Amino acid sequence: MTVSFAQIRESKPGVFDDGCSTRVVLDHIMSKWGVLVLSALSEGTLRWGELRRSVEGISEKMLASTLRTLADDGLVHRESFPAVPPHVEYSLTPLGRDLMERMLPLVGWVADNSDRMLERS
């Protein structure tokens, strides 16, 4: 059963209104880098360098910022191991895995349709 945007708004008055927390969360998870980082982590636990290579084109600063935001939102788990050099691993939390089960079909749709959408006549 498909739920409409109107039904969602009707069931939760004020949701998606200006100033609503839903807008902040949408900004975090639907940003270009947010989607790509979450998608990369849907494959499993990754170290910093692996994640950076997986999300081609992301700067170290943007990766750090995106990971911090997604961790603060409870979607990404950061585990630091006492070692030299530092060893840090990133993975999705249960909430992050739940999100990606829903978002990966959209990511697949974008992969299937982006070229056609951007074709120039």
PDB file of N, CA and C in Angstrom:
ATOM      1  N   MET A   1       0.843  -1.181   0.000  1.00  0.00           N
ATOM      2  CA  MET A   1       0.000   0.000   0.000  1.00  0.00           C
ATOM      3  C   MET A   1       0.886   1.241   0.000  1.00  0.00           C
ATOM      4  N   THR A   2       0.650   2.142  -0.909  1.00  0.00           N
ATOM      5  CA  THR A   2       1.405   3.375  -1.013  1.00  0.00           C
ATOM      6  C   THR A   2       0.730   4.457  -0.183  1.00  0.00           C
ATOM      7  N   VAL A   3       1.526   5.168   0.571  1.00  0.00           N
ATOM      8  CA  VAL A   3       1.019   6.262   1.396  1.00  0.00           C
ATOM      9  C   VAL A   3       1.350   7.570   0.687  1.00  0.00           C
ATOM     10  N   SER A   4       0.401   8.470   0.635  1.00  0.00           N
ATOM     11  CA  SER A   4       0.637   9.758  -0.018  1.00  0.00           C
ATOM     12  C   SER A   4       1.242  10.759   0.965  1.00  0.00           C
ATOM     13  N   PHE A   5       1.842  11.785   0.389  1.00  0.00           N
ATOM     14  CA  PHE A   5       2.401  12.871   1.203  1.00  0.00           C
ATOM     15  C   PHE A   5       1.299  13.513   2.044  1.00  0.00           C
ATOM     16  N   ALA A   6       0.133  13.696   1.453  1.00  0.00           N
ATOM     17  CA  ALA A   6      -0.996  14.295   2.181  1.00  0.00           C
ATOM     18  C   ALA A   6      -1.400  13.427   3.374  1.00  0.00           C
ATOM     19  N   GLN A   7      -1.378  12.102   3.195  1.00  0.00           N
ATOM     20  CA  GLN A   7      -1.730  11.209   4.303  1.00  0.00           C
ATOM     21  C   GLN A   7      -0.711  11.294   5.435  1.00  0.00           C
ATOM     22  N   ILE A   8       0.548  11.399   5.065  1.00  0.00           N
ATOM     23  CA  ILE A   8       1.591  11.535   6.097  1.00  0.00           C
ATOM     24  C   ILE A   8       1.370  12.821   6.885  1.00  0.00           C
ATOM     25  N   ARG A   9       1.165  13.909   6.180  1.00  0.00           N
ATOM     26  CA  ARG A   9       0.965  15.206   6.848  1.00  0.00           C
ATOM     27  C   ARG A   9      -0.305  15.206   7.686  1.00  0.00           C
ATOM     28  N   GLU A  10      -1.341  14.533   7.221  1.00  0.00           N
ATOM     29  CA  GLU A  10      -2.599  14.471   7.964  1.00  0.00           C
ATOM     30  C   GLU A  10      -2.431  13.673   9.250  1.00  0.00           C
ATOM     31  N   SER A  11      -1.622  12.602   9.193  1.00  0.00           N
ATOM     32  CA  SER A  11      -1.437  11.744  10.370  1.00  0.00           C
ATOM     33  C   SER A  11      -0.517  12.365  11.416  1.00  0.00           C
ATOM     34  N   LYS A  12       0.304  13.324  10.994  1.00  0.00           N
ATOM     35  CA  LYS A  12       1.256  13.966  11.914  1.00  0.00           C
ATOM     36  C   LYS A  12       1.211  15.476  11.673  1.00  0.00           C
ATOM     37  N   PRO A  13       0.253  16.156  12.250  1.00  0.00           N
ATOM     38  CA  PRO A  13       0.124  17.608  12.014  1.00  0.00           C
ATOM     39  C   PRO A  13       1.434  18.350  12.298  1.00  0.00           C
ATOM     40  N   GLY A  14       1.788  19.244  11.393  1.00  0.00           N
ATOM     41  CA  GLY A  14       2.994  20.056  11.548  1.00  0.00           C
ATOM     42  C   GLY A  14       4.241  19.439  10.943  1.00  0.00           C
ATOM     43  N   VAL A  15       4.158  18.143  10.575  1.00  0.00           N
ATOM     44  CA  VAL A  15       5.327  17.484  10.006  1.00  0.00           C
ATOM     45  C   VAL A  15       5.662  18.120   8.657  1.00  0.00           C
ATOM     46  N   PHE A  16       6.931  18.330   8.413  1.00  0.00           N
ATOM     47  CA  PHE A  16       7.489  18.950   7.209  1.00  0.00           C
ATOM     48  C   PHE A  16       7.219  20.454   7.112  1.00  0.00           C
ATOM     49  N   ASP A  17       6.616  21.039   8.138  1.00  0.00           N
ATOM     50  CA  ASP A  17       6.429  22.496   8.153  1.00  0.00           C
ATOM     51  C   ASP A  17       7.774  23.174   8.379  1.00  0.00           C
ATOM     52  N   ASP A  18       7.837  24.451   8.041  1.00  0.00           N
ATOM     53  CA  ASP A  18       9.048  25.235   8.274  1.00  0.00           C
ATOM     54  C   ASP A  18       9.416  25.149   9.748  1.00  0.00           C
ATOM     55  N   GLY A  19      10.659  24.823  10.038  1.00  0.00           N
ATOM     56  CA  GLY A  19      11.125  24.702  11.419  1.00  0.00           C
ATOM     57  C   GLY A  19      10.960  23.312  12.007  1.00  0.00           C
ATOM     58  N   CYS A  20      10.332  22.404  11.272  1.00  0.00           N
ATOM     59  CA  CYS A  20      10.127  21.037  11.760  1.00  0.00           C
ATOM     60  C   CYS A  20      11.435  20.253  11.646  1.00  0.00           C
ATOM     61  N   SER A  21      11.685  19.378  12.608  1.00  0.00           N
ATOM     62  CA  SER A  21      12.911  18.576  12.606  1.00  0.00           C
ATOM     63  C   SER A  21      13.021  17.697  11.362  1.00  0.00           C
ATOM     64  N   THR A  22      11.893  17.374  10.741  1.00  0.00           N
ATOM     65  CA  THR A  22      11.947  16.542   9.540  1.00  0.00           C
ATOM     66  C   THR A  22      12.741  17.211   8.431  1.00  0.00           C
ATOM     67  N   ARG A  23      12.703  18.519   8.357  1.00  0.00           N
ATOM     68  CA  ARG A  23      13.452  19.224   7.314  1.00  0.00           C
ATOM     69  C   ARG A  23      14.956  19.105   7.542  1.00  0.00           C
ATOM     70  N   VAL A  24      15.363  19.136   8.790  1.00  0.00           N
ATOM     71  CA  VAL A  24      16.785  18.989   9.123  1.00  0.00           C
ATOM     72  C   VAL A  24      17.247  17.581   8.749  1.00  0.00           C
ATOM     73  N   VAL A  25      16.462  16.583   9.134  1.00  0.00           N
ATOM     74  CA  VAL A  25      16.824  15.197   8.845  1.00  0.00           C
ATOM     75  C   VAL A  25      16.861  14.953   7.332  1.00  0.00           C
ATOM     76  N   LEU A  26      15.884  15.464   6.606  1.00  0.00           N
ATOM     77  CA  LEU A  26      15.897  15.316   5.151  1.00  0.00           C
ATOM     78  C   LEU A  26      17.147  15.935   4.546  1.00  0.00           C
ATOM     79  N   ASP A  27      17.543  17.078   5.062  1.00  0.00           N
ATOM     80  CA  ASP A  27      18.753  17.728   4.567  1.00  0.00           C
ATOM     81  C   ASP A  27      19.978  16.849   4.805  1.00  0.00           C
ATOM     82  N   HIS A  28      20.053  16.202   5.948  1.00  0.00           N
ATOM     83  CA  HIS A  28      21.201  15.355   6.284  1.00  0.00           C
ATOM     84  C   HIS A  28      21.254  14.103   5.420  1.00  0.00           C
ATOM     85  N   ILE A  29      20.128  13.404   5.287  1.00  0.00           N
ATOM     86  CA  ILE A  29      20.150  12.107   4.611  1.00  0.00           C
ATOM     87  C   ILE A  29      19.978  12.202   3.100  1.00  0.00           C
ATOM     88  N   MET A  30      19.411  13.299   2.611  1.00  0.00           N
ATOM     89  CA  MET A  30      19.168  13.408   1.173  1.00  0.00           C
ATOM     90  C   MET A  30      20.180  14.308   0.466  1.00  0.00           C
ATOM     91  N   SER A  31      21.155  14.823   1.201  1.00  0.00           N
ATOM     92  CA  SER A  31      22.209  15.590   0.547  1.00  0.00           C
ATOM     93  C   SER A  31      23.032  14.635  -0.311  1.00  0.00           C
ATOM     94  N   LYS A  32      23.700  15.167  -1.315  1.00  0.00           N
ATOM     95  CA  LYS A  32      24.513  14.325  -2.201  1.00  0.00           C
ATOM     96  C   LYS A  32      25.479  13.458  -1.394  1.00  0.00           C
ATOM     97  N   TRP A  33      26.226  14.076  -0.492  1.00  0.00           N
ATOM     98  CA  TRP A  33      27.234  13.318   0.248  1.00  0.00           C
ATOM     99  C   TRP A  33      26.590  12.392   1.274  1.00  0.00           C
ATOM    100  N   GLY A  34      25.505  12.817   1.885  1.00  0.00           N
ATOM    101  CA  GLY A  34      24.817  11.959   2.844  1.00  0.00           C
ATOM    102  C   GLY A  34      24.348  10.665   2.200  1.00  0.00           C
ATOM    103  N   VAL A  35      23.710  10.780   1.044  1.00  0.00           N
ATOM    104  CA  VAL A  35      23.225   9.598   0.327  1.00  0.00           C
ATOM    105  C   VAL A  35      24.388   8.690  -0.053  1.00  0.00           C
ATOM    106  N   LEU A  36      25.461   9.263  -0.577  1.00  0.00           N
ATOM    107  CA  LEU A  36      26.591   8.445  -1.033  1.00  0.00           C
ATOM    108  C   LEU A  36      27.320   7.768   0.125  1.00  0.00           C
ATOM    109  N   VAL A  37      27.505   8.470   1.237  1.00  0.00           N
ATOM    110  CA  VAL A  37      28.163   7.867   2.401  1.00  0.00           C
ATOM    111  C   VAL A  37      27.298   6.743   2.967  1.00  0.00           C
ATOM    112  N   LEU A  38      26.011   7.009   3.132  1.00  0.00           N
ATOM    113  CA  LEU A  38      25.113   5.978   3.657  1.00  0.00           C
ATOM    114  C   LEU A  38      25.055   4.779   2.717  1.00  0.00           C
ATOM    115  N   SER A  39      25.030   5.035   1.414  1.00  0.00           N
ATOM    116  CA  SER A  39      25.001   3.934   0.443  1.00  0.00           C
ATOM    117  C   SER A  39      26.269   3.095   0.530  1.00  0.00           C
ATOM    118  N   ALA A  40      27.420   3.748   0.644  1.00  0.00           N
ATOM    119  CA  ALA A  40      28.686   3.013   0.778  1.00  0.00           C
ATOM    120  C   ALA A  40      28.681   2.155   2.035  1.00  0.00           C
ATOM    121  N   LEU A  41      28.190   2.706   3.124  1.00  0.00           N
ATOM    122  CA  LEU A  41      28.172   1.960   4.388  1.00  0.00           C
ATOM    123  C   LEU A  41      27.124   0.853   4.397  1.00  0.00           C
ATOM    124  N   SER A  42      26.183   0.892   3.473  1.00  0.00           N
ATOM    125  CA  SER A  42      25.188  -0.184   3.406  1.00  0.00           C
ATOM    126  C   SER A  42      25.847  -1.496   2.974  1.00  0.00           C
ATOM    127  N   GLU A  43      27.069  -1.412   2.414  1.00  0.00           N
ATOM    128  CA  GLU A  43      27.817  -2.604   2.016  1.00  0.00           C
ATOM    129  C   GLU A  43      28.530  -3.249   3.199  1.00  0.00           C
ATOM    130  N   GLY A  44      28.657  -2.508   4.312  1.00  0.00           N
ATOM    131  CA  GLY A  44      29.317  -3.062   5.494  1.00  0.00           C
ATOM    132  C   GLY A  44      30.245  -2.047   6.140  1.00  0.00           C
ATOM    133  N   THR A  45      30.948  -2.483   7.157  1.00  0.00           N
ATOM    134  CA  THR A  45      31.862  -1.643   7.913  1.00  0.00           C
ATOM    135  C   THR A  45      33.043  -1.231   7.043  1.00  0.00           C
ATOM    136  N   LEU A  46      33.385   0.055   7.106  1.00  0.00           N
ATOM    137  CA  LEU A  46      34.510   0.578   6.323  1.00  0.00           C
ATOM    138  C   LEU A  46      35.405   1.447   7.198  1.00  0.00           C
ATOM    139  N   ARG A  47      36.687   1.418   6.892  1.00  0.00           N
ATOM    140  CA  ARG A  47      37.634   2.333   7.512  1.00  0.00           C
ATOM    141  C   ARG A  47      37.602   3.639   6.735  1.00  0.00           C
ATOM    142  N   TRP A  48      38.214   4.683   7.310  1.00  0.00           N
ATOM    143  CA  TRP A  48      38.213   6.025   6.716  1.00  0.00           C
ATOM    144  C   TRP A  48      38.652   6.007   5.249  1.00  0.00           C
ATOM    145  N   GLY A  49      39.816   5.441   4.987  1.00  0.00           N
ATOM    146  CA  GLY A  49      40.359   5.434   3.633  1.00  0.00           C
ATOM    147  C   GLY A  49      39.479   4.662   2.654  1.00  0.00           C
ATOM    148  N   GLU A  50      38.935   3.542   3.107  1.00  0.00           N
ATOM    149  CA  GLU A  50      38.034   2.760   2.260  1.00  0.00           C
ATOM    150  C   GLU A  50      36.780   3.561   1.921  1.00  0.00           C
ATOM    151  N   LEU A  51      36.272   4.258   2.904  1.00  0.00           N
ATOM    152  CA  LEU A  51      35.071   5.065   2.709  1.00  0.00           C
ATOM    153  C   LEU A  51      35.348   6.222   1.760  1.00  0.00           C
ATOM    154  N   ARG A  52      36.489   6.856   1.933  1.00  0.00           N
ATOM    155  CA  ARG A  52      36.850   7.979   1.062  1.00  0.00           C
ATOM    156  C   ARG A  52      37.012   7.523  -0.385  1.00  0.00           C
ATOM    157  N   ARG A  53      37.611   6.366  -0.598  1.00  0.00           N
ATOM    158  CA  ARG A  53      37.751   5.841  -1.963  1.00  0.00           C
ATOM    159  C   ARG A  53      36.398   5.424  -2.541  1.00  0.00           C
ATOM    160  N   SER A  54      35.525   4.923  -1.681  1.00  0.00           N
ATOM    161  CA  SER A  54      34.211   4.467  -2.127  1.00  0.00           C
ATOM    162  C   SER A  54      33.324   5.634  -2.558  1.00  0.00           C
ATOM    163  N   VAL A  55      33.471   6.770  -1.884  1.00  0.00           N
ATOM    164  CA  VAL A  55      32.675   7.965  -2.200  1.00  0.00           C
ATOM    165  C   VAL A  55      33.582   8.896  -2.995  1.00  0.00           C
ATOM    166  N   GLU A  56      33.775   8.557  -4.244  1.00  0.00           N
ATOM    167  CA  GLU A  56      34.692   9.281  -5.119  1.00  0.00           C
ATOM    168  C   GLU A  56      34.331  10.765  -5.202  1.00  0.00           C
ATOM    169  N   GLY A  57      35.354  11.616  -5.038  1.00  0.00           N
ATOM    170  CA  GLY A  57      35.165  13.060  -5.179  1.00  0.00           C
ATOM    171  C   GLY A  57      34.912  13.802  -3.882  1.00  0.00           C
ATOM    172  N   ILE A  58      34.689  13.089  -2.789  1.00  0.00           N
ATOM    173  CA  ILE A  58      34.430  13.766  -1.514  1.00  0.00           C
ATOM    174  C   ILE A  58      35.758  14.202  -0.898  1.00  0.00           C
ATOM    175  N   SER A  59      35.795  15.419  -0.374  1.00  0.00           N
ATOM    176  CA  SER A  59      37.000  15.905   0.293  1.00  0.00           C
ATOM    177  C   SER A  59      37.061  15.329   1.703  1.00  0.00           C
ATOM    178  N   GLU A  60      38.258  15.357   2.293  1.00  0.00           N
ATOM    179  CA  GLU A  60      38.397  14.877   3.668  1.00  0.00           C
ATOM    180  C   GLU A  60      37.524  15.689   4.610  1.00  0.00           C
ATOM    181  N   LYS A  61      37.497  16.997   4.405  1.00  0.00           N
ATOM    182  CA  LYS A  61      36.691  17.872   5.264  1.00  0.00           C
ATOM    183  C   LYS A  61      35.203  17.530   5.153  1.00  0.00           C
ATOM    184  N   MET A  62      34.713  17.322   3.930  1.00  0.00           N
ATOM    185  CA  MET A  62      33.294  17.011   3.738  1.00  0.00           C
ATOM    186  C   MET A  62      32.962  15.627   4.270  1.00  0.00           C
ATOM    187  N   LEU A  63      33.872  14.669   4.100  1.00  0.00           N
ATOM    188  CA  LEU A  63      33.638  13.335   4.642  1.00  0.00           C
ATOM    189  C   LEU A  63      33.550  13.393   6.158  1.00  0.00           C
ATOM    190  N   ALA A  64      34.476  14.104   6.779  1.00  0.00           N
ATOM    191  CA  ALA A  64      34.458  14.227   8.242  1.00  0.00           C
ATOM    192  C   ALA A  64      33.163  14.884   8.717  1.00  0.00           C
ATOM    193  N   SER A  65      32.763  15.954   8.054  1.00  0.00           N
ATOM    194  CA  SER A  65      31.540  16.666   8.428  1.00  0.00           C
ATOM    195  C   SER A  65      30.307  15.785   8.241  1.00  0.00           C
ATOM    196  N   THR A  66      30.247  15.089   7.116  1.00  0.00           N
ATOM    197  CA  THR A  66      29.092  14.226   6.833  1.00  0.00           C
ATOM    198  C   THR A  66      29.014  13.089   7.838  1.00  0.00           C
ATOM    199  N   LEU A  67      30.143  12.449   8.126  1.00  0.00           N
ATOM    200  CA  LEU A  67      30.150  11.355   9.099  1.00  0.00           C
ATOM    201  C   LEU A  67      29.752  11.836  10.490  1.00  0.00           C
ATOM    202  N   ARG A  68      30.231  12.998  10.881  1.00  0.00           N
ATOM    203  CA  ARG A  68      29.874  13.558  12.192  1.00  0.00           C
ATOM    204  C   ARG A  68      28.363  13.803  12.273  1.00  0.00           C
ATOM    205  N   THR A  69      27.810  14.392  11.221  1.00  0.00           N
ATOM    206  CA  THR A  69      26.376  14.675  11.195  1.00  0.00           C
ATOM    207  C   THR A  69      25.557  13.397  11.252  1.00  0.00           C
ATOM    208  N   LEU A  70      25.920  12.416  10.426  1.00  0.00           N
ATOM    209  CA  LEU A  70      25.172  11.162  10.400  1.00  0.00           C
ATOM    210  C   LEU A  70      25.325  10.376  11.699  1.00  0.00           C
ATOM    211  N   ALA A  71      26.476  10.484  12.343  1.00  0.00           N
ATOM    212  CA  ALA A  71      26.665   9.847  13.655  1.00  0.00           C
ATOM    213  C   ALA A  71      25.810  10.550  14.706  1.00  0.00           C
ATOM    214  N   ASP A  72      25.795  11.883  14.677  1.00  0.00           N
ATOM    215  CA  ASP A  72      24.960  12.644  15.614  1.00  0.00           C
ATOM    216  C   ASP A  72      23.483  12.331  15.442  1.00  0.00           C
ATOM    217  N   ASP A  73      23.082  12.021  14.208  1.00  0.00           N
ATOM    218  CA  ASP A  73      21.689  11.670  13.918  1.00  0.00           C
ATOM    219  C   ASP A  73      21.360  10.226  14.303  1.00  0.00           C
ATOM    220  N   GLY A  74      22.367   9.455  14.694  1.00  0.00           N
ATOM    221  CA  GLY A  74      22.133   8.071  15.100  1.00  0.00           C
ATOM    222  C   GLY A  74      22.085   7.083  13.951  1.00  0.00           C
ATOM    223  N   LEU A  75      22.599   7.481  12.774  1.00  0.00           N
ATOM    224  CA  LEU A  75      22.567   6.609  11.602  1.00  0.00           C
ATOM    225  C   LEU A  75      23.880   5.872  11.378  1.00  0.00           C
ATOM    226  N   VAL A  76      24.980   6.448  11.840  1.00  0.00           N
ATOM    227  CA  VAL A  76      26.317   5.875  11.645  1.00  0.00           C
ATOM    228  C   VAL A  76      26.986   5.676  12.994  1.00  0.00           C
ATOM    229  N   HIS A  77      27.625   4.518  13.135  1.00  0.00           N
ATOM    230  CA  HIS A  77      28.397   4.211  14.346  1.00  0.00           C
ATOM    231  C   HIS A  77      29.877   4.383  14.016  1.00  0.00           C
ATOM    232  N   ARG A  78      30.588   5.092  14.872  1.00  0.00           N
ATOM    233  CA  ARG A  78      32.034   5.298  14.730  1.00  0.00           C
ATOM    234  C   ARG A  78      32.715   4.551  15.856  1.00  0.00           C
ATOM    235  N   GLU A  79      33.622   3.654  15.502  1.00  0.00           N
ATOM    236  CA  GLU A  79      34.370   2.918  16.512  1.00  0.00           C
ATOM    237  C   GLU A  79      35.851   3.155  16.312  1.00  0.00           C
ATOM    238  N   SER A  80      36.488   3.647  17.375  1.00  0.00           N
ATOM    239  CA  SER A  80      37.908   3.954  17.345  1.00  0.00           C
ATOM    240  C   SER A  80      38.663   2.886  18.138  1.00  0.00           C
ATOM    241  N   PHE A  81      39.722   2.366  17.532  1.00  0.00           N
ATOM    242  CA  PHE A  81      40.531   1.340  18.179  1.00  0.00           C
ATOM    243  C   PHE A  81      41.871   1.939  18.585  1.00  0.00           C
ATOM    244  N   PRO A  82      42.343   1.632  19.796  1.00  0.00           N
ATOM    245  CA  PRO A  82      43.628   2.170  20.245  1.00  0.00           C
ATOM    246  C   PRO A  82      44.778   1.500  19.497  1.00  0.00           C
ATOM    247  N   ALA A  83      45.273   2.186  18.511  1.00  0.00           N
ATOM    248  CA  ALA A  83      46.369   1.634  17.707  1.00  0.00           C
ATOM    249  C   ALA A  83      47.155   2.785  17.100  1.00  0.00           C
ATOM    250  N   VAL A  84      48.350   2.473  16.657  1.00  0.00           N
ATOM    251  CA  VAL A  84      49.166   3.450  15.946  1.00  0.00           C
ATOM    252  C   VAL A  84      49.493   2.838  14.595  1.00  0.00           C
ATOM    253  N   PRO A  85      49.101   3.456  13.508  1.00  0.00           N
ATOM    254  CA  PRO A  85      48.326   4.690  13.399  1.00  0.00           C
ATOM    255  C   PRO A  85      46.869   4.459  13.825  1.00  0.00           C
ATOM    256  N   PRO A  86      46.118   5.549  14.041  1.00  0.00           N
ATOM    257  CA  PRO A  86      44.727   5.417  14.492  1.00  0.00           C
ATOM    258  C   PRO A  86      43.912   4.526  13.548  1.00  0.00           C
ATOM    259  N   HIS A  87      43.065   3.722  14.124  1.00  0.00           N
ATOM    260  CA  HIS A  87      42.212   2.798  13.376  1.00  0.00           C
ATOM    261  C   HIS A  87      40.774   3.112  13.763  1.00  0.00           C
ATOM    262  N   VAL A  88      40.004   3.616  12.811  1.00  0.00           N
ATOM    263  CA  VAL A  88      38.608   3.972  13.047  1.00  0.00           C
ATOM    264  C   VAL A  88      37.758   3.280  11.997  1.00  0.00           C
ATOM    265  N   GLU A  89      36.662   2.694  12.451  1.00  0.00           N
ATOM    266  CA  GLU A  89      35.733   2.031  11.546  1.00  0.00           C
ATOM    267  C   GLU A  89      34.352   2.675  11.648  1.00  0.00           C
ATOM    268  N   TYR A  90      33.664   2.689  10.515  1.00  0.00           N
ATOM    269  CA  TYR A  90      32.328   3.269  10.439  1.00  0.00           C
ATOM    270  C   TYR A  90      31.369   2.204   9.935  1.00  0.00           C
ATOM    271  N   SER A  91      30.180   2.196  10.516  1.00  0.00           N
ATOM    272  CA  SER A  91      29.152   1.247  10.092  1.00  0.00           C
ATOM    273  C   SER A  91      27.787   1.886  10.328  1.00  0.00           C
ATOM    274  N   LEU A  92      26.779   1.297   9.718  1.00  0.00           N
ATOM    275  CA  LEU A  92      25.422   1.778   9.950  1.00  0.00           C
ATOM    276  C   LEU A  92      24.904   1.234  11.271  1.00  0.00           C
ATOM    277  N   THR A  93      24.152   2.045  11.970  1.00  0.00           N
ATOM    278  CA  THR A  93      23.446   1.604  13.164  1.00  0.00           C
ATOM    279  C   THR A  93      22.184   0.859  12.703  1.00  0.00           C
ATOM    280  N   PRO A  94      21.460   0.230  13.610  1.00  0.00           N
ATOM    281  CA  PRO A  94      20.181  -0.380  13.198  1.00  0.00           C
ATOM    282  C   PRO A  94      19.243   0.645  12.528  1.00  0.00           C
ATOM    283  N   LEU A  95      19.213   1.867  13.034  1.00  0.00           N
ATOM    284  CA  LEU A  95      18.390   2.908  12.424  1.00  0.00           C
ATOM    285  C   LEU A  95      18.889   3.228  11.014  1.00  0.00           C
ATOM    286  N   GLY A  96      20.196   3.285  10.836  1.00  0.00           N
ATOM    287  CA  GLY A  96      20.782   3.532   9.529  1.00  0.00           C
ATOM    288  C   GLY A  96      20.492   2.402   8.546  1.00  0.00           C
ATOM    289  N   ARG A  97      20.547   1.160   9.026  1.00  0.00           N
ATOM    290  CA  ARG A  97      20.223   0.019   8.160  1.00  0.00           C
ATOM    291  C   ARG A  97      18.751   0.053   7.750  1.00  0.00           C
ATOM    292  N   ASP A  98      17.881   0.405   8.686  1.00  0.00           N
ATOM    293  CA  ASP A  98      16.455   0.519   8.379  1.00  0.00           C
ATOM    294  C   ASP A  98      16.224   1.591   7.313  1.00  0.00           C
ATOM    295  N   LEU A  99      16.892   2.730   7.466  1.00  0.00           N
ATOM    296  CA  LEU A  99      16.785   3.798   6.474  1.00  0.00           C
ATOM    297  C   LEU A  99      17.236   3.309   5.105  1.00  0.00           C
ATOM    298  N   MET A 100      18.387   2.633   5.044  1.00  0.00           N
ATOM    299  CA  MET A 100      18.938   2.233   3.755  1.00  0.00           C
ATOM    300  C   MET A 100      18.117   1.136   3.083  1.00  0.00           C
ATOM    301  N   GLU A 101      17.429   0.306   3.845  1.00  0.00           N
ATOM    302  CA  GLU A 101      16.518  -0.662   3.232  1.00  0.00           C
ATOM    303  C   GLU A 101      15.451   0.072   2.423  1.00  0.00           C
ATOM    304  N   ARG A 102      15.077   1.242   2.873  1.00  0.00           N
ATOM    305  CA  ARG A 102      14.057   2.034   2.199  1.00  0.00           C
ATOM    306  C   ARG A 102      14.654   2.931   1.117  1.00  0.00           C
ATOM    307  N   MET A 103      15.887   3.407   1.331  1.00  0.00           N
ATOM    308  CA  MET A 103      16.478   4.381   0.418  1.00  0.00           C
ATOM    309  C   MET A 103      17.199   3.730  -0.768  1.00  0.00           C
ATOM    310  N   LEU A 104      17.726   2.523  -0.621  1.00  0.00           N
ATOM    311  CA  LEU A 104      18.448   1.899  -1.724  1.00  0.00           C
ATOM    312  C   LEU A 104      17.594   1.709  -2.980  1.00  0.00           C
ATOM    313  N   PRO A 105      16.297   1.402  -2.855  1.00  0.00           N
ATOM    314  CA  PRO A 105      15.495   1.365  -4.090  1.00  0.00           C
ATOM    315  C   PRO A 105      15.478   2.718  -4.818  1.00  0.00           C
ATOM    316  N   LEU A 106      15.455   3.822  -4.087  1.00  0.00           N
ATOM    317  CA  LEU A 106      15.512   5.147  -4.707  1.00  0.00           C
ATOM    318  C   LEU A 106      16.870   5.366  -5.365  1.00  0.00           C
ATOM    319  N   VAL A 107      17.939   4.970  -4.706  1.00  0.00           N
ATOM    320  CA  VAL A 107      19.290   5.095  -5.276  1.00  0.00           C
ATOM    321  C   VAL A 107      19.379   4.279  -6.565  1.00  0.00           C
ATOM    322  N   GLY A 108      18.799   3.085  -6.558  1.00  0.00           N
ATOM    323  CA  GLY A 108      18.769   2.263  -7.762  1.00  0.00           C
ATOM    324  C   GLY A 108      17.970   2.917  -8.878  1.00  0.00           C
ATOM    325  N   TRP A 109      16.857   3.526  -8.535  1.00  0.00           N
ATOM    326  CA  TRP A 109      16.042   4.230  -9.522  1.00  0.00           C
ATOM    327  C   TRP A 109      16.831   5.372 -10.155  1.00  0.00           C
ATOM    328  N   VAL A 110      17.560   6.118  -9.338  1.00  0.00           N
ATOM    329  CA  VAL A 110      18.383   7.216  -9.854  1.00  0.00           C
ATOM    330  C   VAL A 110      19.441   6.665 -10.807  1.00  0.00           C
ATOM    331  N   ALA A 111      20.100   5.564 -10.426  1.00  0.00           N
ATOM    332  CA  ALA A 111      21.118   4.964 -11.293  1.00  0.00           C
ATOM    333  C   ALA A 111      20.520   4.529 -12.632  1.00  0.00           C
ATOM    334  N   ASP A 112      19.312   4.000 -12.590  1.00  0.00           N
ATOM    335  CA  ASP A 112      18.661   3.527 -13.819  1.00  0.00           C
ATOM    336  C   ASP A 112      18.167   4.659 -14.715  1.00  0.00           C
ATOM    337  N   ASN A 113      17.838   5.799 -14.150  1.00  0.00           N
ATOM    338  CA  ASN A 113      17.155   6.840 -14.918  1.00  0.00           C
ATOM    339  C   ASN A 113      17.902   8.150 -15.100  1.00  0.00           C
ATOM    340  N   SER A 114      19.026   8.329 -14.450  1.00  0.00           N
ATOM    341  CA  SER A 114      19.703   9.632 -14.488  1.00  0.00           C
ATOM    342  C   SER A 114      20.152  10.019 -15.893  1.00  0.00           C
ATOM    343  N   ASP A 115      20.727   9.083 -16.655  1.00  0.00           N
ATOM    344  CA  ASP A 115      21.181   9.426 -18.005  1.00  0.00           C
ATOM    345  C   ASP A 115      20.021   9.898 -18.877  1.00  0.00           C
ATOM    346  N   ARG A 116      18.931   9.174 -18.829  1.00  0.00           N
ATOM    347  CA  ARG A 116      17.755   9.528 -19.630  1.00  0.00           C
ATOM    348  C   ARG A 116      17.198  10.890 -19.221  1.00  0.00           C
ATOM    349  N   MET A 117      17.221  11.171 -17.946  1.00  0.00           N
ATOM    350  CA  MET A 117      16.681  12.440 -17.446  1.00  0.00           C
ATOM    351  C   MET A 117      17.537  13.629 -17.886  1.00  0.00           C
ATOM    352  N   LEU A 118      18.839  13.399 -18.005  1.00  0.00           N
ATOM    353  CA  LEU A 118      19.744  14.499 -18.318  1.00  0.00           C
ATOM    354  C   LEU A 118      20.136  14.561 -19.782  1.00  0.00           C
ATOM    355  N   GLU A 119      19.546  13.704 -20.611  1.00  0.00           N
ATOM    356  CA  GLU A 119      19.850  13.762 -22.047  1.00  0.00           C
ATOM    357  C   GLU A 119      19.503  15.121 -22.594  1.00  0.00           C
ATOM    358  N   ARG A 120      20.370  15.588 -23.487  1.00  0.00           N
ATOM    359  CA  ARG A 120      20.138  16.879 -24.138  1.00  0.00           C
ATOM    360  C   ARG A 120      19.672  16.605 -25.563  1.00  0.00           C
ATOM    361  N   SER A 121      18.604  17.221 -25.952  1.00  0.00           N
ATOM    362  CA  SER A 121      18.088  17.035 -27.325  1.00  0.00           C
ATOM    363  C   SER A 121      18.888  17.817 -28.327  1.00  0.00           C
TER     364      SER A 121
END
